[in-house]
């Protein structure tokens, strides 16, 4: 058994930063993720005038329920989707003129359902280029609140941004969702809001957020379940064993359910109170699996799928086409380059058993493509990445950690 220490959750770190900024008092986030995405979120808060103090193991944030401490700011959101979607909503609840822009990659990703909702709530928001995309300007004068309808079928982050800002509105929010993807991420949001003193009530497809003030707290961030998936997959693929401490029963992150997919494929999985262990059993079975709720782990499964004894079909994952890249297309392209038979449709991919050959992986600047196909390289000599540095988005030390794992296993 090999123990792997995984950095803090990207999703929880981002939500923690928003909640801390919006709360009364001073919040301490313990074990935050130190990566390009989370650093970008923290830098955005600093631009908006919030006090953020960072050390290696703790970040301390002084909250301002009234909104940004400056009356104007220009915020660059880098590649971070949570930064690009959450911060404009936070700024809208304050007062001032705030401009947001992002990388070319993030500019291409949609904001429309969120910005439409903010406009419906009376927020003065204009686009400098294509509607529904960065760059944009928010002329903030507070948010009254009220009722709205939201399509969150492309990203649960649209709903999360509105849930998070709800307590900062004058009247609260009542949000009816017509479609919703990645439900576990919304459950993370609701659980964290509860920890900061706000109870969201869900009635079917409607979420009711009261205008209750957030209260600061000390919050320990659990390891990132999506990042853990690469190491769990590595164990299942090689017949070895990996334990990730800090995850287990009661973990907030839905992506931990990826280990249940590995269990279906034949791996031994133990989910304890304070750790998760996955042990490979020498083979992988083919599966058909709906990954709508854990779509960030689609590339992880695709990367080990050729080694299964039957086809691996992943369904209901259209939203993976509008992530950092079109992940279904990226998986298809790279698997074909390795000589693997693969087919894709609008929202599915099917991978047939094969013996991958060495190839150059085209990462498309996507950290998840880079990390997933690095796992393939544990069984396939000659796998190289065209952009290995893109892992800095969520896990700058990934390649060192995987190399250490390979060394400990004698691979």
Protein backbone atom coordinates (compact mmCIF):
# COMPACT_ATOMS: atom_id res chain seq x y z
CA UNK A 1 0.00 0.00 0.00
CA UNK A 2 1.31 3.44 -1.00
CA UNK A 3 0.05 6.59 0.72
CA UNK A 4 -0.36 9.63 -1.54
CA UNK A 5 -0.98 13.09 -0.12
CA UNK A 6 -3.31 14.96 -2.48
CA UNK A 7 -3.58 18.78 -2.42
CA UNK A 8 -6.78 20.46 -1.27
CA UNK A 9 -9.93 20.47 -3.37
CA UNK A 10 -10.08 23.11 -6.08
CA UNK A 11 -13.87 23.33 -5.84
CA UNK A 12 -13.91 23.65 -2.05
CA UNK A 13 -11.07 26.20 -2.06
CA UNK A 14 -12.93 28.43 -4.54
CA UNK A 15 -16.19 28.25 -2.61
CA UNK A 16 -14.34 28.81 0.63
CA UNK A 17 -12.75 31.97 -0.75
CA UNK A 18 -16.13 33.35 -1.87
CA UNK A 19 -17.82 32.50 1.43
CA UNK A 20 -14.96 33.95 3.47
CA UNK A 21 -15.05 37.19 1.48
CA UNK A 22 -18.81 37.48 1.96
CA UNK A 23 -18.92 36.61 5.67
CA UNK A 24 -18.93 38.72 8.81
CA UNK A 25 -15.57 38.28 10.50
CA UNK A 26 -12.29 36.59 9.64
CA UNK A 27 -12.15 33.13 8.09
CA UNK A 28 -9.18 30.77 8.09
CA UNK A 29 -9.02 28.20 5.27
CA UNK A 30 -6.76 25.31 6.26
CA UNK A 31 -4.98 23.21 3.58
CA UNK A 32 -6.17 25.31 0.60
CA UNK A 33 -5.14 24.29 -2.87
CA UNK A 34 -2.07 26.16 -4.08
CA UNK A 35 -2.49 26.18 -7.85
CA UNK A 36 -2.93 28.61 -10.71
CA UNK A 37 -6.74 28.50 -10.41
CA UNK A 38 -6.93 29.10 -6.68
CA UNK A 39 -4.15 31.69 -6.69
CA UNK A 40 -6.04 33.48 -9.48
CA UNK A 41 -9.20 33.53 -7.36
CA UNK A 42 -7.28 34.95 -4.38
CA UNK A 43 -5.65 37.58 -6.59
CA UNK A 44 -9.09 38.53 -7.87
CA UNK A 45 -10.29 39.10 -4.31
CA UNK A 46 -7.25 41.26 -3.62
CA UNK A 47 -8.04 43.34 -6.72
CA UNK A 48 -11.54 43.85 -5.36
CA UNK A 49 -10.10 45.15 -2.10
CA UNK A 50 -10.56 42.15 0.15
CA UNK A 51 -7.84 41.34 2.67
CA UNK A 52 -6.29 37.95 1.92
CA UNK A 53 -3.22 36.66 3.73
CA UNK A 54 -1.62 33.48 2.40
CA UNK A 55 0.81 31.05 3.97
CA UNK A 56 1.67 27.55 2.78
CA UNK A 57 -0.90 25.82 4.98
CA UNK A 58 -3.52 28.51 5.73
CA UNK A 59 -5.24 31.41 4.03
CA UNK A 60 -6.87 34.10 6.16
CA UNK A 61 -9.61 36.28 4.66
CA UNK A 62 -11.31 39.30 6.23
CA UNK A 63 -14.92 39.30 5.12
CA UNK A 64 -16.91 42.24 3.74
CA UNK A 65 -20.63 41.41 3.49
CA UNK A 66 -21.16 44.84 1.92
CA UNK A 67 -19.04 43.88 -1.09
CA UNK A 68 -15.69 44.97 -2.56
CA UNK A 69 -13.64 47.53 -0.65
CA UNK A 70 -12.85 49.50 -3.81
CA UNK A 71 -15.20 51.36 -6.14
CA UNK A 72 -13.49 50.18 -9.31
CA UNK A 73 -11.24 47.30 -10.33
CA UNK A 74 -9.99 45.40 -13.36
CA UNK A 75 -9.87 41.66 -12.59
CA UNK A 76 -8.13 39.07 -14.78
CA UNK A 77 -9.55 35.63 -14.09
CA UNK A 78 -6.81 33.63 -15.85
CA UNK A 79 -8.10 30.17 -16.91
CA UNK A 80 -10.25 29.71 -13.82
CA UNK A 81 -13.93 28.97 -14.45
CA UNK A 82 -14.88 29.40 -10.79
CA UNK A 83 -13.03 32.73 -10.69
CA UNK A 84 -14.62 33.88 -13.93
CA UNK A 85 -18.13 32.91 -12.86
CA UNK A 86 -18.18 33.51 -9.11
CA UNK A 87 -16.39 36.86 -8.82
CA UNK A 88 -18.70 38.88 -11.11
CA UNK A 89 -21.63 37.69 -8.98
CA UNK A 90 -19.81 38.66 -5.78
CA UNK A 91 -18.95 42.10 -7.17
CA UNK A 92 -22.53 42.67 -8.32
CA UNK A 93 -23.68 42.55 -4.70
CA UNK A 94 -21.45 45.54 -3.87
CA UNK A 95 -21.13 49.04 -5.29
CA UNK A 96 -18.76 50.21 -7.99
CA UNK A 97 -17.62 49.53 -11.54
CA UNK A 98 -15.80 46.25 -12.01
CA UNK A 99 -14.33 44.85 -15.22
CA UNK A 100 -13.62 41.16 -15.63
CA UNK A 101 -11.58 39.45 -18.33
CA UNK A 102 -9.97 36.04 -18.71
CA UNK A 103 -7.60 34.00 -20.84
CA UNK A 104 -8.47 33.18 -24.44
CA UNK A 105 -9.36 29.68 -23.29
CA UNK A 106 -11.74 30.97 -20.62
CA UNK A 107 -13.19 33.61 -22.93
CA UNK A 108 -14.46 30.77 -25.12
CA UNK A 109 -16.35 29.12 -22.26
CA UNK A 110 -19.98 30.15 -21.68
CA UNK A 111 -21.32 32.51 -19.01
CA UNK A 112 -24.70 33.18 -20.63
CA UNK A 113 -27.09 31.42 -18.22
CA UNK A 114 -25.43 33.15 -15.26
CA UNK A 115 -25.18 36.60 -16.80
CA UNK A 116 -28.77 36.33 -18.08
CA UNK A 117 -29.86 35.58 -14.52
CA UNK A 118 -27.93 38.54 -13.12
CA UNK A 119 -29.47 40.80 -15.77
CA UNK A 120 -32.92 39.46 -14.85
CA UNK A 121 -32.17 40.43 -11.24
CA UNK A 122 -31.50 43.99 -12.34
CA UNK A 123 -27.69 43.93 -12.38
CA UNK A 124 -26.17 46.45 -14.82
CA UNK A 125 -23.88 44.15 -16.79
CA UNK A 126 -22.45 44.72 -20.27
CA UNK A 127 -20.21 42.67 -22.54
CA UNK A 128 -17.25 44.14 -24.37
CA UNK A 129 -17.28 41.38 -26.97
CA UNK A 130 -19.46 38.34 -27.58
CA UNK A 131 -22.57 38.29 -25.36
CA UNK A 132 -22.40 35.64 -22.66
CA UNK A 133 -18.60 35.63 -22.58
CA UNK A 134 -15.74 37.55 -21.03
CA UNK A 135 -14.76 40.38 -21.02
CA UNK A 136 -17.61 42.06 -19.18
CA UNK A 137 -18.28 45.08 -16.96
CA UNK A 138 -20.48 45.07 -13.85
CA UNK A 139 -21.80 48.45 -12.66
CA UNK A 140 -22.79 47.26 -9.23
CA UNK A 141 -25.44 48.80 -7.01
CA UNK A 142 -26.41 45.82 -4.88
CA UNK A 143 -28.87 43.05 -5.79
CA UNK A 144 -32.49 43.20 -4.68
CA UNK A 145 -33.13 39.47 -5.15
CA UNK A 146 -36.32 37.70 -6.11
CA UNK A 147 -37.37 34.78 -8.28
CA UNK A 148 -35.73 33.50 -11.45
CA UNK A 149 -35.47 30.47 -13.70
CA UNK A 150 -32.07 29.02 -14.61
CA UNK A 151 -30.78 26.45 -17.08
CA UNK A 152 -27.72 24.85 -15.45
CA UNK A 153 -27.46 22.01 -17.97
CA UNK A 154 -24.06 23.20 -19.24
CA UNK A 155 -22.47 23.89 -15.86
CA UNK A 156 -23.56 23.63 -12.24
CA UNK A 157 -21.30 26.64 -11.57
CA UNK A 158 -24.05 28.94 -12.86
CA UNK A 159 -26.34 27.75 -10.08
CA UNK A 160 -23.55 27.74 -7.50
CA UNK A 161 -22.65 31.38 -8.24
CA UNK A 162 -26.26 32.42 -7.65
CA UNK A 163 -26.64 30.30 -4.51
CA UNK A 164 -23.46 31.83 -3.08
CA UNK A 165 -24.55 35.40 -3.76
CA UNK A 166 -28.14 34.85 -2.56
CA UNK A 167 -27.50 35.75 1.10
CA UNK A 168 -25.94 39.06 -0.02
CA UNK A 169 -29.15 40.15 -1.76
CA UNK A 170 -31.77 42.30 -0.03
CA UNK A 171 -34.61 39.79 -0.33
CA UNK A 172 -32.89 36.46 -0.97
CA UNK A 173 -33.33 34.30 -4.06
CA UNK A 174 -35.78 31.68 -5.26
CA UNK A 175 -34.16 29.79 -8.16
CA UNK A 176 -36.04 27.24 -10.25
CA UNK A 177 -33.72 25.06 -12.33
CA UNK A 178 -34.88 23.64 -15.66
CA UNK A 179 -31.81 21.44 -16.15
CA UNK A 180 -28.85 20.65 -13.93
CA UNK A 181 -25.56 18.83 -14.48
CA UNK A 182 -22.94 17.79 -11.90
CA UNK A 183 -25.41 17.78 -9.01
CA UNK A 184 -22.78 16.78 -6.40
CA UNK A 185 -21.00 20.12 -6.92
CA UNK A 186 -24.20 21.93 -5.96
CA UNK A 187 -24.42 19.75 -2.87
CA UNK A 188 -20.87 20.86 -1.95
CA UNK A 189 -22.03 24.47 -2.24
CA UNK A 190 -25.09 23.96 -0.05
CA UNK A 191 -23.12 22.07 2.61
CA UNK A 192 -20.45 24.79 2.75
CA UNK A 193 -23.06 27.56 2.93
CA UNK A 194 -24.57 25.73 5.91
CA UNK A 195 -21.17 25.71 7.60
CA UNK A 196 -21.01 29.50 7.10
CA UNK A 197 -24.44 29.94 8.70
CA UNK A 198 -26.89 29.91 5.78
CA UNK A 199 -29.44 27.16 5.16
CA UNK A 200 -30.58 26.67 1.56
CA UNK A 201 -33.95 24.96 1.20
CA UNK A 202 -34.47 22.74 -1.83
CA UNK A 203 -37.97 21.85 -2.96
CA UNK A 204 -37.67 19.67 -6.05
CA UNK A 205 -36.17 21.86 -8.76
CA UNK A 206 -36.42 25.05 -6.71
CA UNK A 207 -33.71 26.39 -4.40
CA UNK A 208 -34.65 29.01 -1.81
CA UNK A 209 -31.80 31.14 -0.41
CA UNK A 210 -32.58 33.44 2.51
CA UNK A 211 -30.90 36.84 2.96
CA UNK A 212 -29.21 35.51 6.09
CA UNK A 213 -25.72 36.89 6.79
CA UNK A 214 -22.76 34.54 6.45
CA UNK A 215 -20.65 33.97 9.57
CA UNK A 216 -16.88 33.48 9.36
CA UNK A 217 -15.38 30.20 10.56
CA UNK A 218 -12.30 28.03 10.43
CA UNK A 219 -12.61 25.61 7.53
CA UNK A 220 -10.38 22.62 6.74
CA UNK A 221 -10.31 21.75 3.04
CA UNK A 222 -10.34 18.07 2.14
CA UNK A 223 -8.07 16.61 -0.57
CA UNK A 224 -9.21 17.00 -4.18
CA UNK A 225 -11.24 13.96 -5.24
CA UNK A 226 -10.85 14.69 -8.97
CA UNK A 227 -7.06 14.81 -8.60
CA UNK A 228 -7.17 11.63 -6.50
CA UNK A 229 -8.85 9.84 -9.42
CA UNK A 230 -5.55 9.67 -11.34
CA UNK A 231 -3.81 7.85 -8.51
CA UNK A 232 -6.74 5.53 -7.87
CA UNK A 233 -6.82 4.74 -11.59
CA UNK A 234 -3.07 4.11 -11.52
CA UNK A 235 -3.54 1.49 -8.81
CA UNK A 236 -6.39 -0.21 -10.64
CA UNK A 237 -4.36 -0.23 -13.87
CA UNK A 238 -1.13 -1.64 -12.45
CA UNK A 239 -2.39 -4.06 -9.81
CA UNK A 240 -0.91 -1.93 -7.05
CA UNK A 241 -2.52 -0.19 -4.07
CA UNK A 242 -3.00 3.51 -3.27
CA UNK A 243 -4.38 5.13 -0.12
CA UNK A 244 -5.42 8.79 -0.02
CA UNK A 245 -5.83 10.07 3.54
CA UNK A 246 -8.30 12.85 4.28
CA UNK A 247 -11.00 11.50 1.98
CA UNK A 248 -13.55 8.94 3.05
CA UNK A 249 -17.04 8.51 4.42
CA UNK A 250 -18.73 11.88 4.60
CA UNK A 251 -16.48 13.56 2.02
CA UNK A 252 -18.22 16.46 0.29
CA UNK A 253 -16.97 15.83 -3.23
CA UNK A 254 -19.09 13.79 -5.60
CA UNK A 255 -16.08 12.87 -7.74
CA UNK A 256 -15.10 10.39 -5.05
CA UNK A 257 -17.77 8.21 -6.69
CA UNK A 258 -15.16 7.49 -9.37
CA UNK A 259 -13.85 4.74 -7.09
CA UNK A 260 -17.22 3.00 -7.48
CA UNK A 261 -16.60 2.91 -11.25
CA UNK A 262 -13.24 1.28 -10.54
CA UNK A 263 -15.02 -1.18 -8.26
CA UNK A 264 -17.37 -2.10 -11.12
CA UNK A 265 -14.29 -2.69 -13.26
CA UNK A 266 -12.90 -5.16 -10.72
CA UNK A 267 -10.70 -3.12 -8.38
CA UNK A 268 -10.87 -3.59 -4.64
CA UNK A 269 -12.11 -0.37 -3.01
CA UNK A 270 -12.19 0.50 0.68
CA UNK A 271 -13.83 3.76 1.76
CA UNK A 272 -13.12 4.28 5.44
CA UNK A 273 -13.84 7.14 7.84
CA UNK A 274 -10.57 8.93 7.10
CA UNK A 275 -9.07 7.41 3.97
CA UNK A 276 -9.81 5.68 0.67
CA UNK A 277 -7.78 2.75 -0.63
CA UNK A 278 -7.96 1.32 -4.16
CA UNK A 279 -6.14 -1.88 -5.02
CA UNK A 280 -5.82 -3.33 -8.51
CA UNK A 281 -6.64 -7.00 -8.93
CA UNK A 282 -4.71 -7.70 -12.11
CA UNK A 283 -7.44 -6.94 -14.63
CA UNK A 284 -10.16 -4.47 -15.59
CA UNK A 285 -13.66 -5.25 -16.81
CA UNK A 286 -15.51 -3.33 -19.47
CA UNK A 287 -18.39 -1.18 -18.24
CA UNK A 288 -21.13 1.14 -19.41
CA UNK A 289 -21.44 4.06 -17.02
CA UNK A 290 -23.36 7.32 -16.80
CA UNK A 291 -20.87 9.96 -15.63
CA UNK A 292 -23.09 13.06 -15.79
CA UNK A 293 -22.50 13.77 -12.11
CA UNK A 294 -18.73 13.02 -12.14
CA UNK A 295 -17.79 14.30 -15.58
CA UNK A 296 -14.41 15.72 -14.54
CA UNK A 297 -13.21 12.12 -14.19
CA UNK A 298 -14.22 11.14 -17.74
CA UNK A 299 -10.65 11.55 -19.09
CA UNK A 300 -9.33 9.42 -16.20
CA UNK A 301 -11.57 6.53 -17.16
CA UNK A 302 -10.93 7.01 -20.88
CA UNK A 303 -7.18 6.84 -20.28
CA UNK A 304 -7.32 3.37 -18.69
CA UNK A 305 -10.25 2.05 -20.75
CA UNK A 306 -8.15 0.34 -23.48
CA UNK A 307 -6.79 -2.06 -20.84
CA UNK A 308 -10.24 -3.42 -19.94
CA UNK A 309 -11.39 -6.82 -21.19
CA UNK A 310 -14.41 -5.33 -22.95
CA UNK A 311 -15.69 -2.01 -24.27
CA UNK A 312 -15.91 0.95 -21.91
CA UNK A 313 -18.80 3.27 -22.74
CA UNK A 314 -19.21 6.61 -20.96
CA UNK A 315 -22.61 8.27 -21.37
CA UNK A 316 -24.48 11.55 -20.68
CA UNK A 317 -21.40 13.79 -20.58
CA UNK A 318 -22.09 16.49 -23.18
CA UNK A 319 -20.89 19.17 -20.75
CA UNK A 320 -17.34 17.78 -21.05
CA UNK A 321 -17.27 19.32 -24.52
CA UNK A 322 -17.29 22.85 -23.05
CA UNK A 323 -14.66 22.47 -20.35
CA UNK A 324 -11.07 23.68 -20.78
CA UNK A 325 -11.31 21.91 -24.12
CA UNK A 326 -13.68 19.52 -25.83
CA UNK A 327 -12.69 16.59 -23.67
CA UNK A 328 -14.56 13.93 -25.62
CA UNK A 329 -12.78 15.03 -28.80
CA UNK A 330 -9.45 15.22 -26.99
CA UNK A 331 -9.82 11.70 -25.59
CA UNK A 332 -10.84 10.38 -29.00
CA UNK A 333 -7.91 12.07 -30.77
CA UNK A 334 -5.31 10.87 -28.31
CA UNK A 335 -6.61 7.32 -28.06
CA UNK A 336 -6.67 7.03 -31.85
CA UNK A 337 -3.08 8.29 -31.93
CA UNK A 338 -2.23 5.36 -29.63
CA UNK A 339 -3.90 2.91 -32.02
CA UNK A 340 -7.01 2.39 -29.89
CA UNK A 341 -10.44 1.93 -31.48
CA UNK A 342 -12.83 4.59 -30.22
CA UNK A 343 -16.14 6.18 -31.21
CA UNK A 344 -17.87 9.29 -29.91
CA UNK A 345 -21.31 10.86 -30.15
CA UNK A 346 -22.76 14.11 -28.93
CA UNK A 347 -22.62 13.07 -25.28
CA UNK A 348 -20.83 9.71 -25.19
CA UNK A 349 -17.58 7.93 -25.91
CA UNK A 350 -16.96 4.20 -26.36
CA UNK A 351 -13.46 2.75 -26.15
CA UNK A 352 -12.64 -0.80 -27.20
CA UNK A 353 -9.93 -3.02 -25.75
CA UNK A 354 -6.52 -2.64 -27.28
CA UNK A 355 -2.81 -2.32 -26.68
CA UNK A 356 -1.94 1.40 -26.74
CA UNK A 357 1.32 2.38 -28.39
CA UNK A 358 3.52 5.32 -27.54
CA UNK A 359 2.33 8.67 -28.87
CA UNK A 360 2.48 12.40 -28.30
CA UNK A 361 -0.55 13.40 -26.23
CA UNK A 362 -2.12 16.66 -27.37
CA UNK A 363 -3.17 18.20 -24.08
CA UNK A 364 -5.09 21.17 -25.56
CA UNK A 365 -3.96 23.20 -22.53
CA UNK A 366 -6.22 21.00 -20.39
CA UNK A 367 -4.80 19.80 -17.08
CA UNK A 368 -7.17 16.83 -16.93
CA UNK A 369 -6.11 15.50 -20.33
CA UNK A 370 -2.45 15.79 -19.31
CA UNK A 371 -2.89 14.06 -15.96
CA UNK A 372 -5.21 11.31 -17.26
CA UNK A 373 -2.97 10.17 -20.11
CA UNK A 374 0.08 10.33 -17.86
CA UNK A 375 -1.58 7.36 -16.12
CA UNK A 376 -1.77 5.53 -19.46
CA UNK A 377 2.00 5.93 -19.58
CA UNK A 378 2.37 3.62 -16.57
CA UNK A 379 1.56 0.72 -18.93
CA UNK A 380 2.53 2.22 -22.27
CA UNK A 381 6.15 3.22 -23.00
CA UNK A 382 6.62 6.29 -25.17
CA UNK A 383 3.71 8.41 -23.93
CA UNK A 384 4.77 12.07 -23.93
CA UNK A 385 2.81 15.28 -23.35
CA UNK A 386 3.00 18.33 -25.61
CA UNK A 387 2.14 20.68 -22.71
CA UNK A 388 3.13 19.02 -19.43
CA UNK A 389 3.07 22.35 -17.59
CA UNK A 390 -0.70 22.78 -17.96
CA UNK A 391 -1.13 20.71 -14.79
CA UNK A 392 -0.27 23.87 -12.80
CA UNK A 393 -3.95 24.78 -13.08
CA UNK A 394 -4.83 22.34 -10.29
CA UNK A 395 -1.75 20.33 -9.23
CA UNK A 396 1.65 21.88 -10.01
CA UNK A 397 3.43 18.93 -8.37
CA UNK A 398 1.55 16.22 -10.28
CA UNK A 399 4.42 14.92 -12.40
CA UNK A 400 6.72 14.62 -9.37
CA UNK A 401 4.01 12.83 -7.41
CA UNK A 402 3.35 10.35 -10.21
CA UNK A 403 7.08 9.77 -10.70
CA UNK A 404 7.44 9.05 -7.00
CA UNK A 405 4.55 6.58 -7.20
CA UNK A 406 6.11 4.87 -10.21
CA UNK A 407 9.41 4.63 -8.38
CA UNK A 408 7.86 3.17 -5.24
CA UNK A 409 6.15 0.55 -7.37
CA UNK A 410 9.29 -0.27 -9.36
CA UNK A 411 7.66 0.52 -12.69
